[in-house]
Amino acid sequence: MEKHVLITGATGMIGKALIQSLLEKNYTISTLSTHPRAIPHVQVFKWDVNKKMIDRECFNGVTTIIHLAGENIAKEKWTDKRKQEIIDSRIGSIQLLLETLQQTAHQVSTFISASAVGFYGDREDEILNEESAPGTGFLADCCVQWENAAEGAAKLGMRVVKFRTGFIIAKDEGGLPAMTQPIKLFAGAPLGSGKQWVPWIHMRDMVDMYIYALENPISGTFNACAPNPVTNKTLTKALGKFLHRPIWPIKVPAKAIELIMGEMSVIALMSTNTSVQKILDAGYRFQYTQLSEALSDIYHS
């Protein structure tokens, strides 16, 4: 069967890196975009989730859908309107895909969807595996709805894989540039207590994990994080070391962060101590298991 993948969210951080890796492995790639623009060696189709419009030609020959679409949770403050946009961009897009597939002849047998460790909420030192109950708050509620929507693909007879993504370590994209900016300006310090767990993952492993799910008969929900999470304090100190900048012995008070970021401050302050035993048992082998290895690759390669 032809190796043909349809990717949503193709212009995002994971999407761009994933497309490059899949092209190197001779996959045929199609993408969906609200504002289509040419991507070398990729077929680009138009959709508009808000208008419930999708070019059904996008499914031609496709055997796997990788769903990465979703508004950036850290782009703007969380007003009620913004929170609804974040939810709709994830759940509405899945619903549009599945509803259209029900009405279209297709070969899609696998549905792989992003989710996030925000599913667990703020859990202090509790070790969290995929069977742990969801947390409370907006992020947890959003992730529960997100995963439930993706599970709808199983009702259509598809193999479903969901990745609860952690803090992606990538030099120029994602959360790392925002975290390193004050450090580069000699103003680096742990956030809040500094004791909150940060479930990080190197971009290379994040991409490889999607490809592993694509090429192996695994199913279900998996924590997409490295085997050794670190605290915010440890991560901050490690970044200071690699950037050759001092880290102040004081901490940025949680109240100050909440004043600046509002409800969105939970992104910086929540503690998520994840276990990745399930993906290890499924046969995936990490390239980067230690934070020092991941940062060395990013800053020294």
C-alpha atoms as a PDB file:
ATOM      1  CA  MET A   1       0.000   0.000   0.000  1.00  0.00           C
ATOM      2  CA  GLU A   2       1.263   3.477  -0.850  1.00  0.00           C
ATOM      3  CA  LYS A   3       2.824   5.414   2.020  1.00  0.00           C
ATOM      4  CA  HIS A   4       0.597   8.476   1.824  1.00  0.00           C
ATOM      5  CA  VAL A   5       0.026  10.705   4.849  1.00  0.00           C
ATOM      6  CA  LEU A   6      -2.331  13.661   5.307  1.00  0.00           C
ATOM      7  CA  ILE A   7      -1.053  16.174   7.879  1.00  0.00           C
ATOM      8  CA  THR A   8      -2.996  19.015   9.486  1.00  0.00           C
ATOM      9  CA  GLY A   9      -1.083  21.802  11.199  1.00  0.00           C
ATOM     10  CA  ALA A  10       1.712  21.280   8.698  1.00  0.00           C
ATOM     11  CA  THR A  11       3.153  24.775   9.116  1.00  0.00           C
ATOM     12  CA  GLY A  12       3.547  24.396  12.875  1.00  0.00           C
ATOM     13  CA  MET A  13       6.727  23.470  14.711  1.00  0.00           C
ATOM     14  CA  ILE A  14       6.163  19.714  14.693  1.00  0.00           C
ATOM     15  CA  GLY A  15       4.489  19.702  11.287  1.00  0.00           C
ATOM     16  CA  LYS A  16       7.410  21.279   9.440  1.00  0.00           C
ATOM     17  CA  ALA A  17       9.979  18.937  10.977  1.00  0.00           C
ATOM     18  CA  LEU A  18       7.762  15.893  10.471  1.00  0.00           C
ATOM     19  CA  ILE A  19       7.193  16.667   6.791  1.00  0.00           C
ATOM     20  CA  GLN A  20      10.940  16.921   6.194  1.00  0.00           C
ATOM     21  CA  SER A  21      11.581  13.565   7.860  1.00  0.00           C
ATOM     22  CA  LEU A  22       8.736  11.831   6.032  1.00  0.00           C
ATOM     23  CA  LEU A  23       9.909  13.154   2.660  1.00  0.00           C
ATOM     24  CA  GLU A  24      13.379  11.788   3.400  1.00  0.00           C
ATOM     25  CA  LYS A  25      11.699   8.393   3.961  1.00  0.00           C
ATOM     26  CA  ASN A  26       9.918   8.669   0.581  1.00  0.00           C
ATOM     27  CA  TYR A  27       6.408   9.204   1.934  1.00  0.00           C
ATOM     28  CA  THR A  28       3.814  11.010  -0.151  1.00  0.00           C
ATOM     29  CA  ILE A  29       2.553  13.993   1.847  1.00  0.00           C
ATOM     30  CA  SER A  30      -0.681  15.949   1.617  1.00  0.00           C
ATOM     31  CA  THR A  31      -1.607  18.824   3.918  1.00  0.00           C
ATOM     32  CA  LEU A  32      -4.639  20.924   4.763  1.00  0.00           C
ATOM     33  CA  SER A  33      -4.330  24.680   5.189  1.00  0.00           C
ATOM     34  CA  THR A  34      -6.698  27.578   5.735  1.00  0.00           C
ATOM     35  CA  HIS A  35      -4.375  29.778   3.681  1.00  0.00           C
ATOM     36  CA  PRO A  36      -2.721  27.386   1.203  1.00  0.00           C
ATOM     37  CA  ARG A  37       0.783  28.149   0.047  1.00  0.00           C
ATOM     38  CA  ALA A  38       3.197  25.993  -1.862  1.00  0.00           C
ATOM     39  CA  ILE A  39       5.321  23.506   0.090  1.00  0.00           C
ATOM     40  CA  PRO A  40       8.008  21.736  -1.983  1.00  0.00           C
ATOM     41  CA  HIS A  41       7.087  18.110  -2.805  1.00  0.00           C
ATOM     42  CA  VAL A  42       3.823  18.366  -0.811  1.00  0.00           C
ATOM     43  CA  GLN A  43       0.220  18.457  -2.058  1.00  0.00           C
ATOM     44  CA  VAL A  44      -1.580  21.336  -0.316  1.00  0.00           C
ATOM     45  CA  PHE A  45      -5.395  21.387  -0.027  1.00  0.00           C
ATOM     46  CA  LYS A  46      -7.694  24.057   1.381  1.00  0.00           C
ATOM     47  CA  TRP A  47      -9.995  23.775   4.366  1.00  0.00           C
ATOM     48  CA  ASP A  48     -11.800  26.199   6.649  1.00  0.00           C
ATOM     49  CA  VAL A  49     -12.875  24.677   9.940  1.00  0.00           C
ATOM     50  CA  ASN A  50     -15.062  27.623  10.917  1.00  0.00           C
ATOM     51  CA  LYS A  51     -16.985  27.368   7.654  1.00  0.00           C
ATOM     52  CA  LYS A  52     -16.948  23.532   7.794  1.00  0.00           C
ATOM     53  CA  MET A  53     -15.355  23.454   4.352  1.00  0.00           C
ATOM     54  CA  ILE A  54     -12.789  20.914   3.192  1.00  0.00           C
ATOM     55  CA  ASP A  55     -11.473  19.826  -0.202  1.00  0.00           C
ATOM     56  CA  ARG A  56     -12.364  16.122  -0.255  1.00  0.00           C
ATOM     57  CA  GLU A  57      -9.611  15.490  -2.791  1.00  0.00           C
ATOM     58  CA  CYS A  58      -7.212  15.691   0.159  1.00  0.00           C
ATOM     59  CA  PHE A  59      -8.117  12.106   1.125  1.00  0.00           C
ATOM     60  CA  ASN A  60      -7.187  10.558  -2.235  1.00  0.00           C
ATOM     61  CA  GLY A  61      -4.719   7.733  -1.654  1.00  0.00           C
ATOM     62  CA  VAL A  62      -4.228   8.664   2.014  1.00  0.00           C
ATOM     63  CA  THR A  63      -3.798   5.810   4.504  1.00  0.00           C
ATOM     64  CA  THR A  64      -2.908   7.820   7.637  1.00  0.00           C
ATOM     65  CA  ILE A  65      -3.990  11.177   9.027  1.00  0.00           C
ATOM     66  CA  ILE A  66      -1.671  12.966  11.454  1.00  0.00           C
ATOM     67  CA  HIS A  67      -3.645  15.699  13.189  1.00  0.00           C
ATOM     68  CA  LEU A  68      -1.495  18.521  14.562  1.00  0.00           C
ATOM     69  CA  ALA A  69      -3.790  21.503  13.938  1.00  0.00           C
ATOM     70  CA  GLY A  70      -4.607  23.811  16.827  1.00  0.00           C
ATOM     71  CA  GLU A  71      -4.272  27.422  17.905  1.00  0.00           C
ATOM     72  CA  ASN A  72      -1.115  28.275  19.876  1.00  0.00           C
ATOM     73  CA  ILE A  73      -2.135  28.204  23.543  1.00  0.00           C
ATOM     74  CA  ALA A  74       0.523  30.756  24.533  1.00  0.00           C
ATOM     75  CA  LYS A  75      -0.052  33.289  21.746  1.00  0.00           C
ATOM     76  CA  GLU A  76      -2.586  35.489  23.564  1.00  0.00           C
ATOM     77  CA  LYS A  77      -4.102  35.889  27.025  1.00  0.00           C
ATOM     78  CA  TRP A  78      -6.899  33.483  27.800  1.00  0.00           C
ATOM     79  CA  THR A  79     -10.077  35.479  27.454  1.00  0.00           C
ATOM     80  CA  ASP A  80     -13.273  33.444  27.185  1.00  0.00           C
ATOM     81  CA  LYS A  81     -13.217  34.085  23.436  1.00  0.00           C
ATOM     82  CA  ARG A  82      -9.607  32.963  23.099  1.00  0.00           C
ATOM     83  CA  LYS A  83     -10.182  29.802  25.101  1.00  0.00           C
ATOM     84  CA  GLN A  84     -13.075  28.875  22.836  1.00  0.00           C
ATOM     85  CA  GLU A  85     -10.876  29.467  19.781  1.00  0.00           C
ATOM     86  CA  ILE A  86      -8.240  27.126  21.227  1.00  0.00           C
ATOM     87  CA  ILE A  87     -10.821  24.390  21.814  1.00  0.00           C
ATOM     88  CA  ASP A  88     -12.617  24.831  18.482  1.00  0.00           C
ATOM     89  CA  SER A  89      -9.359  24.728  16.507  1.00  0.00           C
ATOM     90  CA  ARG A  90      -8.673  21.261  17.920  1.00  0.00           C
ATOM     91  CA  ILE A  91     -12.061  19.622  18.347  1.00  0.00           C
ATOM     92  CA  GLY A  92     -13.848  21.273  15.433  1.00  0.00           C
ATOM     93  CA  SER A  93     -11.096  20.304  13.019  1.00  0.00           C
ATOM     94  CA  ILE A  94     -11.244  16.636  14.079  1.00  0.00           C
ATOM     95  CA  GLN A  95     -15.023  16.619  13.774  1.00  0.00           C
ATOM     96  CA  LEU A  96     -14.788  18.071  10.259  1.00  0.00           C
ATOM     97  CA  LEU A  97     -12.271  15.416   9.219  1.00  0.00           C
ATOM     98  CA  LEU A  98     -14.295  12.513  10.595  1.00  0.00           C
ATOM     99  CA  GLU A  99     -17.663  13.762   9.364  1.00  0.00           C
ATOM    100  CA  THR A 100     -16.232  14.190   5.864  1.00  0.00           C
ATOM    101  CA  LEU A 101     -14.612  10.747   5.924  1.00  0.00           C
ATOM    102  CA  GLN A 102     -17.980   9.219   6.770  1.00  0.00           C
ATOM    103  CA  GLN A 103     -19.339  10.677   3.544  1.00  0.00           C
ATOM    104  CA  THR A 104     -16.313   9.891   1.357  1.00  0.00           C
ATOM    105  CA  ALA A 105     -14.795   6.731  -0.101  1.00  0.00           C
ATOM    106  CA  HIS A 106     -11.321   6.493   1.411  1.00  0.00           C
ATOM    107  CA  GLN A 107      -8.430   4.227   2.472  1.00  0.00           C
ATOM    108  CA  VAL A 108      -7.624   5.895   5.800  1.00  0.00           C
ATOM    109  CA  SER A 109      -6.915   3.255   8.434  1.00  0.00           C
ATOM    110  CA  THR A 110      -4.862   5.182  11.024  1.00  0.00           C
ATOM    111  CA  PHE A 111      -5.544   8.432  12.870  1.00  0.00           C
ATOM    112  CA  ILE A 112      -2.676   9.909  14.918  1.00  0.00           C
ATOM    113  CA  SER A 113      -3.463  12.996  16.981  1.00  0.00           C
ATOM    114  CA  ALA A 114      -1.553  15.409  19.140  1.00  0.00           C
ATOM    115  CA  SER A 115      -2.703  16.045  22.685  1.00  0.00           C
ATOM    116  CA  ALA A 116      -0.776  17.565  25.602  1.00  0.00           C
ATOM    117  CA  VAL A 117       0.409  16.862  29.139  1.00  0.00           C
ATOM    118  CA  GLY A 118      -1.936  19.671  30.115  1.00  0.00           C
ATOM    119  CA  PHE A 119      -4.414  16.776  30.364  1.00  0.00           C
ATOM    120  CA  TYR A 120      -3.086  16.139  33.887  1.00  0.00           C
ATOM    121  CA  GLY A 121      -3.250  19.701  35.191  1.00  0.00           C
ATOM    122  CA  ASP A 122      -1.053  20.751  38.117  1.00  0.00           C
ATOM    123  CA  ARG A 123      -0.182  17.565  40.059  1.00  0.00           C
ATOM    124  CA  GLU A 124       2.935  18.483  42.112  1.00  0.00           C
ATOM    125  CA  ASP A 125       5.152  15.372  42.533  1.00  0.00           C
ATOM    126  CA  GLU A 126       2.570  12.725  41.581  1.00  0.00           C
ATOM    127  CA  ILE A 127       3.954  10.309  38.981  1.00  0.00           C
ATOM    128  CA  LEU A 128       1.542  10.418  36.059  1.00  0.00           C
ATOM    129  CA  ASN A 129       0.946   7.643  33.560  1.00  0.00           C
ATOM    130  CA  GLU A 130      -1.621   7.323  30.817  1.00  0.00           C
ATOM    131  CA  GLU A 131      -4.157   5.788  33.210  1.00  0.00           C
ATOM    132  CA  SER A 132      -4.006   8.740  35.600  1.00  0.00           C
ATOM    133  CA  ALA A 133      -7.207  10.758  35.904  1.00  0.00           C
ATOM    134  CA  PRO A 134      -7.406  14.119  34.117  1.00  0.00           C
ATOM    135  CA  GLY A 135      -6.701  17.232  36.114  1.00  0.00           C
ATOM    136  CA  THR A 136      -8.802  20.340  36.540  1.00  0.00           C
ATOM    137  CA  GLY A 137      -8.761  23.705  34.804  1.00  0.00           C
ATOM    138  CA  PHE A 138      -8.919  24.912  31.226  1.00  0.00           C
ATOM    139  CA  LEU A 139      -5.935  22.979  29.849  1.00  0.00           C
ATOM    140  CA  ALA A 140      -7.159  19.684  31.264  1.00  0.00           C
ATOM    141  CA  ASP A 141     -10.695  20.273  30.015  1.00  0.00           C
ATOM    142  CA  CYS A 142      -9.396  21.170  26.554  1.00  0.00           C
ATOM    143  CA  CYS A 143      -7.223  18.045  26.353  1.00  0.00           C
ATOM    144  CA  VAL A 144     -10.064  15.765  27.468  1.00  0.00           C
ATOM    145  CA  GLN A 145     -12.310  17.142  24.717  1.00  0.00           C
ATOM    146  CA  TRP A 146      -9.423  16.922  22.230  1.00  0.00           C
ATOM    147  CA  GLU A 147      -8.751  13.261  22.973  1.00  0.00           C
ATOM    148  CA  ASN A 148     -12.428  12.329  23.038  1.00  0.00           C
ATOM    149  CA  ALA A 149     -12.838  13.874  19.595  1.00  0.00           C
ATOM    150  CA  ALA A 150      -9.853  11.916  18.248  1.00  0.00           C
ATOM    151  CA  GLU A 151     -11.276   8.715  19.686  1.00  0.00           C
ATOM    152  CA  GLY A 152     -14.187   9.181  17.288  1.00  0.00           C
ATOM    153  CA  ALA A 153     -11.885   7.794  14.578  1.00  0.00           C
ATOM    154  CA  ALA A 154     -11.954   4.426  16.347  1.00  0.00           C
ATOM    155  CA  LYS A 155     -15.716   4.307  15.774  1.00  0.00           C
ATOM    156  CA  LEU A 156     -14.946   4.485  12.056  1.00  0.00           C
ATOM    157  CA  GLY A 157     -12.702   1.440  12.371  1.00  0.00           C
ATOM    158  CA  MET A 158      -9.370   3.257  12.467  1.00  0.00           C
ATOM    159  CA  ARG A 159      -6.338   2.603  14.612  1.00  0.00           C
ATOM    160  CA  VAL A 160      -6.016   5.642  16.896  1.00  0.00           C
ATOM    161  CA  VAL A 161      -2.848   6.975  18.556  1.00  0.00           C
ATOM    162  CA  LYS A 162      -2.793  10.072  20.794  1.00  0.00           C
ATOM    163  CA  PHE A 163       0.394  11.755  22.019  1.00  0.00           C
ATOM    164  CA  ARG A 164       0.304  13.870  25.179  1.00  0.00           C
ATOM    165  CA  THR A 165       3.096  16.235  24.239  1.00  0.00           C
ATOM    166  CA  GLY A 166       5.431  17.796  26.771  1.00  0.00           C
ATOM    167  CA  PHE A 167       7.752  20.806  26.557  1.00  0.00           C
ATOM    168  CA  ILE A 168       9.497  20.485  23.198  1.00  0.00           C
ATOM    169  CA  ILE A 169      13.213  21.275  23.172  1.00  0.00           C
ATOM    170  CA  ALA A 170      13.888  23.126  19.911  1.00  0.00           C
ATOM    171  CA  LYS A 171      16.285  26.029  19.508  1.00  0.00           C
ATOM    172  CA  ASP A 172      14.292  28.604  17.579  1.00  0.00           C
ATOM    173  CA  GLU A 173      10.650  27.582  18.050  1.00  0.00           C
ATOM    174  CA  GLY A 174       8.193  26.632  20.764  1.00  0.00           C
ATOM    175  CA  GLY A 175       8.612  27.616  24.398  1.00  0.00           C
ATOM    176  CA  LEU A 176      12.414  27.494  24.634  1.00  0.00           C
ATOM    177  CA  PRO A 177      13.161  30.886  22.993  1.00  0.00           C
ATOM    178  CA  ALA A 178      10.770  32.645  25.401  1.00  0.00           C
ATOM    179  CA  MET A 179      12.387  30.856  28.338  1.00  0.00           C
ATOM    180  CA  THR A 180      15.937  31.701  27.255  1.00  0.00           C
ATOM    181  CA  GLN A 181      15.299  35.378  26.515  1.00  0.00           C
ATOM    182  CA  PRO A 182      15.594  36.626  30.127  1.00  0.00           C
ATOM    183  CA  ILE A 183      18.557  34.303  30.668  1.00  0.00           C
ATOM    184  CA  LYS A 184      20.380  35.857  27.712  1.00  0.00           C
ATOM    185  CA  LEU A 185      19.662  39.271  29.248  1.00  0.00           C
ATOM    186  CA  PHE A 186      21.282  38.192  32.560  1.00  0.00           C
ATOM    187  CA  ALA A 187      17.875  38.052  34.268  1.00  0.00           C
ATOM    188  CA  GLY A 188      17.426  34.280  34.476  1.00  0.00           C
ATOM    189  CA  ALA A 189      15.760  32.822  37.573  1.00  0.00           C
ATOM    190  CA  PRO A 190      13.491  29.859  38.387  1.00  0.00           C
ATOM    191  CA  LEU A 191       9.757  30.517  38.073  1.00  0.00           C
ATOM    192  CA  GLY A 192       7.438  30.211  41.053  1.00  0.00           C
ATOM    193  CA  SER A 193       8.696  27.560  43.458  1.00  0.00           C
ATOM    194  CA  GLY A 194      11.057  26.199  40.800  1.00  0.00           C
ATOM    195  CA  LYS A 195      10.050  22.733  42.008  1.00  0.00           C
ATOM    196  CA  GLN A 196       7.415  22.147  39.317  1.00  0.00           C
ATOM    197  CA  TRP A 197       8.187  19.221  37.009  1.00  0.00           C
ATOM    198  CA  VAL A 198       8.760  19.970  33.322  1.00  0.00           C
ATOM    199  CA  PRO A 199       8.183  16.944  31.048  1.00  0.00           C
ATOM    200  CA  TRP A 200      10.510  17.888  28.163  1.00  0.00           C
ATOM    201  CA  ILE A 201      11.196  16.117  24.865  1.00  0.00           C
ATOM    202  CA  HIS A 202      13.758  16.811  22.129  1.00  0.00           C
ATOM    203  CA  MET A 203      12.213  17.716  18.770  1.00  0.00           C
ATOM    204  CA  ARG A 204      14.013  14.806  17.114  1.00  0.00           C
ATOM    205  CA  ASP A 205      12.314  12.322  19.435  1.00  0.00           C
ATOM    206  CA  MET A 206       8.955  14.047  18.994  1.00  0.00           C
ATOM    207  CA  VAL A 207       9.146  13.615  15.221  1.00  0.00           C
ATOM    208  CA  ASP A 208      10.495  10.079  15.481  1.00  0.00           C
ATOM    209  CA  MET A 209       7.677   9.130  17.840  1.00  0.00           C
ATOM    210  CA  TYR A 210       5.086  10.133  15.257  1.00  0.00           C
ATOM    211  CA  ILE A 211       6.909   8.129  12.612  1.00  0.00           C
ATOM    212  CA  TYR A 212       7.113   5.153  14.986  1.00  0.00           C
ATOM    213  CA  ALA A 213       3.346   5.300  15.469  1.00  0.00           C
ATOM    214  CA  LEU A 214       2.922   5.548  11.719  1.00  0.00           C
ATOM    215  CA  GLU A 215       5.057   2.483  10.994  1.00  0.00           C
ATOM    216  CA  ASN A 216       4.206   0.216  13.932  1.00  0.00           C
ATOM    217  CA  PRO A 217       0.843  -1.246  15.048  1.00  0.00           C
ATOM    218  CA  ILE A 218       0.614   0.600  18.356  1.00  0.00           C
ATOM    219  CA  SER A 219      -2.592   2.241  19.531  1.00  0.00           C
ATOM    220  CA  GLY A 220      -3.909   4.218  22.469  1.00  0.00           C
ATOM    221  CA  THR A 221      -2.624   7.214  24.406  1.00  0.00           C
ATOM    222  CA  PHE A 222       1.060   7.842  25.126  1.00  0.00           C
ATOM    223  CA  ASN A 223       2.981  10.443  27.112  1.00  0.00           C
ATOM    224  CA  ALA A 224       5.302  12.092  24.578  1.00  0.00           C
ATOM    225  CA  CYS A 225       8.079  13.175  26.927  1.00  0.00           C
ATOM    226  CA  ALA A 226      11.639  12.096  27.651  1.00  0.00           C
ATOM    227  CA  PRO A 227      12.163   9.423  30.348  1.00  0.00           C
ATOM    228  CA  ASN A 228      13.730  11.901  32.772  1.00  0.00           C
ATOM    229  CA  PRO A 229      11.641  15.008  33.488  1.00  0.00           C
ATOM    230  CA  VAL A 230      13.367  17.838  35.373  1.00  0.00           C
ATOM    231  CA  THR A 231      12.210  20.644  37.620  1.00  0.00           C
ATOM    232  CA  ASN A 232      11.904  24.202  36.378  1.00  0.00           C
ATOM    233  CA  LYS A 233      14.890  25.126  38.543  1.00  0.00           C
ATOM    234  CA  THR A 234      17.036  22.381  36.995  1.00  0.00           C
ATOM    235  CA  LEU A 235      15.995  23.363  33.473  1.00  0.00           C
ATOM    236  CA  THR A 236      16.712  27.041  34.133  1.00  0.00           C
ATOM    237  CA  LYS A 237      20.173  26.291  35.554  1.00  0.00           C
ATOM    238  CA  ALA A 238      20.984  23.986  32.626  1.00  0.00           C
ATOM    239  CA  LEU A 239      20.014  26.678  30.129  1.00  0.00           C
ATOM    240  CA  GLY A 240      22.186  29.190  31.979  1.00  0.00           C
ATOM    241  CA  LYS A 241      25.129  26.806  31.705  1.00  0.00           C
ATOM    242  CA  PHE A 242      24.726  26.256  27.958  1.00  0.00           C
ATOM    243  CA  LEU A 243      24.146  29.967  27.310  1.00  0.00           C
ATOM    244  CA  HIS A 244      27.050  30.968  29.572  1.00  0.00           C
ATOM    245  CA  ARG A 245      24.842  33.177  31.705  1.00  0.00           C
ATOM    246  CA  PRO A 246      24.392  33.267  35.500  1.00  0.00           C
ATOM    247  CA  ILE A 247      21.093  32.230  37.091  1.00  0.00           C
ATOM    248  CA  TRP A 248      20.000  34.334  40.026  1.00  0.00           C
ATOM    249  CA  PRO A 249      19.519  32.516  43.362  1.00  0.00           C
ATOM    250  CA  ILE A 250      16.132  34.210  43.806  1.00  0.00           C
ATOM    251  CA  LYS A 251      12.873  32.998  42.233  1.00  0.00           C
ATOM    252  CA  VAL A 252      10.296  34.884  40.199  1.00  0.00           C
ATOM    253  CA  PRO A 253       7.209  34.905  42.480  1.00  0.00           C
ATOM    254  CA  ALA A 254       4.197  32.999  41.195  1.00  0.00           C
ATOM    255  CA  LYS A 255       2.003  36.017  41.967  1.00  0.00           C
ATOM    256  CA  ALA A 256       4.093  38.178  39.637  1.00  0.00           C
ATOM    257  CA  ILE A 257       3.771  35.641  36.835  1.00  0.00           C
ATOM    258  CA  GLU A 258       0.014  35.402  37.402  1.00  0.00           C
ATOM    259  CA  LEU A 259      -0.245  39.202  37.287  1.00  0.00           C
ATOM    260  CA  ILE A 260       1.520  39.315  33.919  1.00  0.00           C
ATOM    261  CA  MET A 261       0.054  36.208  32.273  1.00  0.00           C
ATOM    262  CA  GLY A 262      -3.303  35.837  33.998  1.00  0.00           C
ATOM    263  CA  GLU A 263      -4.860  32.375  33.871  1.00  0.00           C
ATOM    264  CA  MET A 264      -2.303  31.403  31.210  1.00  0.00           C
ATOM    265  CA  SER A 265       0.391  31.426  33.931  1.00  0.00           C
ATOM    266  CA  VAL A 266      -0.493  27.787  34.587  1.00  0.00           C
ATOM    267  CA  ILE A 267       1.642  26.930  31.548  1.00  0.00           C
ATOM    268  CA  ALA A 268       4.752  28.084  33.411  1.00  0.00           C
ATOM    269  CA  LEU A 269       3.757  27.044  36.910  1.00  0.00           C
ATOM    270  CA  MET A 270       2.034  23.659  36.657  1.00  0.00           C
ATOM    271  CA  SER A 271       3.908  20.538  37.682  1.00  0.00           C
ATOM    272  CA  THR A 272       3.601  17.412  35.524  1.00  0.00           C
ATOM    273  CA  ASN A 273       5.794  14.468  36.495  1.00  0.00           C
ATOM    274  CA  THR A 274       5.159  12.064  33.628  1.00  0.00           C
ATOM    275  CA  SER A 275       6.082   8.420  33.169  1.00  0.00           C
ATOM    276  CA  VAL A 276       6.902   7.176  29.652  1.00  0.00           C
ATOM    277  CA  GLN A 277       7.010   3.481  30.471  1.00  0.00           C
ATOM    278  CA  LYS A 278       4.109   2.794  28.113  1.00  0.00           C
ATOM    279  CA  ILE A 279       5.859   4.079  24.975  1.00  0.00           C
ATOM    280  CA  LEU A 280       9.042   2.292  26.052  1.00  0.00           C
ATOM    281  CA  ASP A 281       7.081  -0.954  26.449  1.00  0.00           C
ATOM    282  CA  ALA A 282       5.670  -0.358  22.963  1.00  0.00           C
ATOM    283  CA  GLY A 283       9.212  -0.505  21.596  1.00  0.00           C
ATOM    284  CA  TYR A 284      10.138   3.133  21.071  1.00  0.00           C
ATOM    285  CA  ARG A 285      13.752   4.005  21.891  1.00  0.00           C
ATOM    286  CA  PHE A 286      14.663   7.599  22.681  1.00  0.00           C
ATOM    287  CA  GLN A 287      17.631   9.362  21.119  1.00  0.00           C
ATOM    288  CA  TYR A 288      17.737  11.869  23.988  1.00  0.00           C
ATOM    289  CA  THR A 289      16.991  10.682  27.508  1.00  0.00           C
ATOM    290  CA  GLN A 290      18.967  13.283  29.471  1.00  0.00           C
ATOM    291  CA  LEU A 291      18.400  17.045  29.349  1.00  0.00           C
ATOM    292  CA  SER A 292      22.138  17.722  29.038  1.00  0.00           C
ATOM    293  CA  GLU A 293      22.273  15.593  25.866  1.00  0.00           C
ATOM    294  CA  ALA A 294      19.307  17.393  24.338  1.00  0.00           C
ATOM    295  CA  LEU A 295      20.649  20.877  25.077  1.00  0.00           C
ATOM    296  CA  SER A 296      24.139  19.943  23.907  1.00  0.00           C
ATOM    297  CA  ASP A 297      22.698  18.839  20.568  1.00  0.00           C
ATOM    298  CA  ILE A 298      20.755  22.096  20.178  1.00  0.00           C
ATOM    299  CA  TYR A 299      23.446  24.545  21.254  1.00  0.00           C
ATOM    300  CA  HIS A 300      26.631  22.787  20.134  1.00  0.00           C
ATOM    301  CA  SER A 301      25.634  21.038  16.900  1.00  0.00           C
END
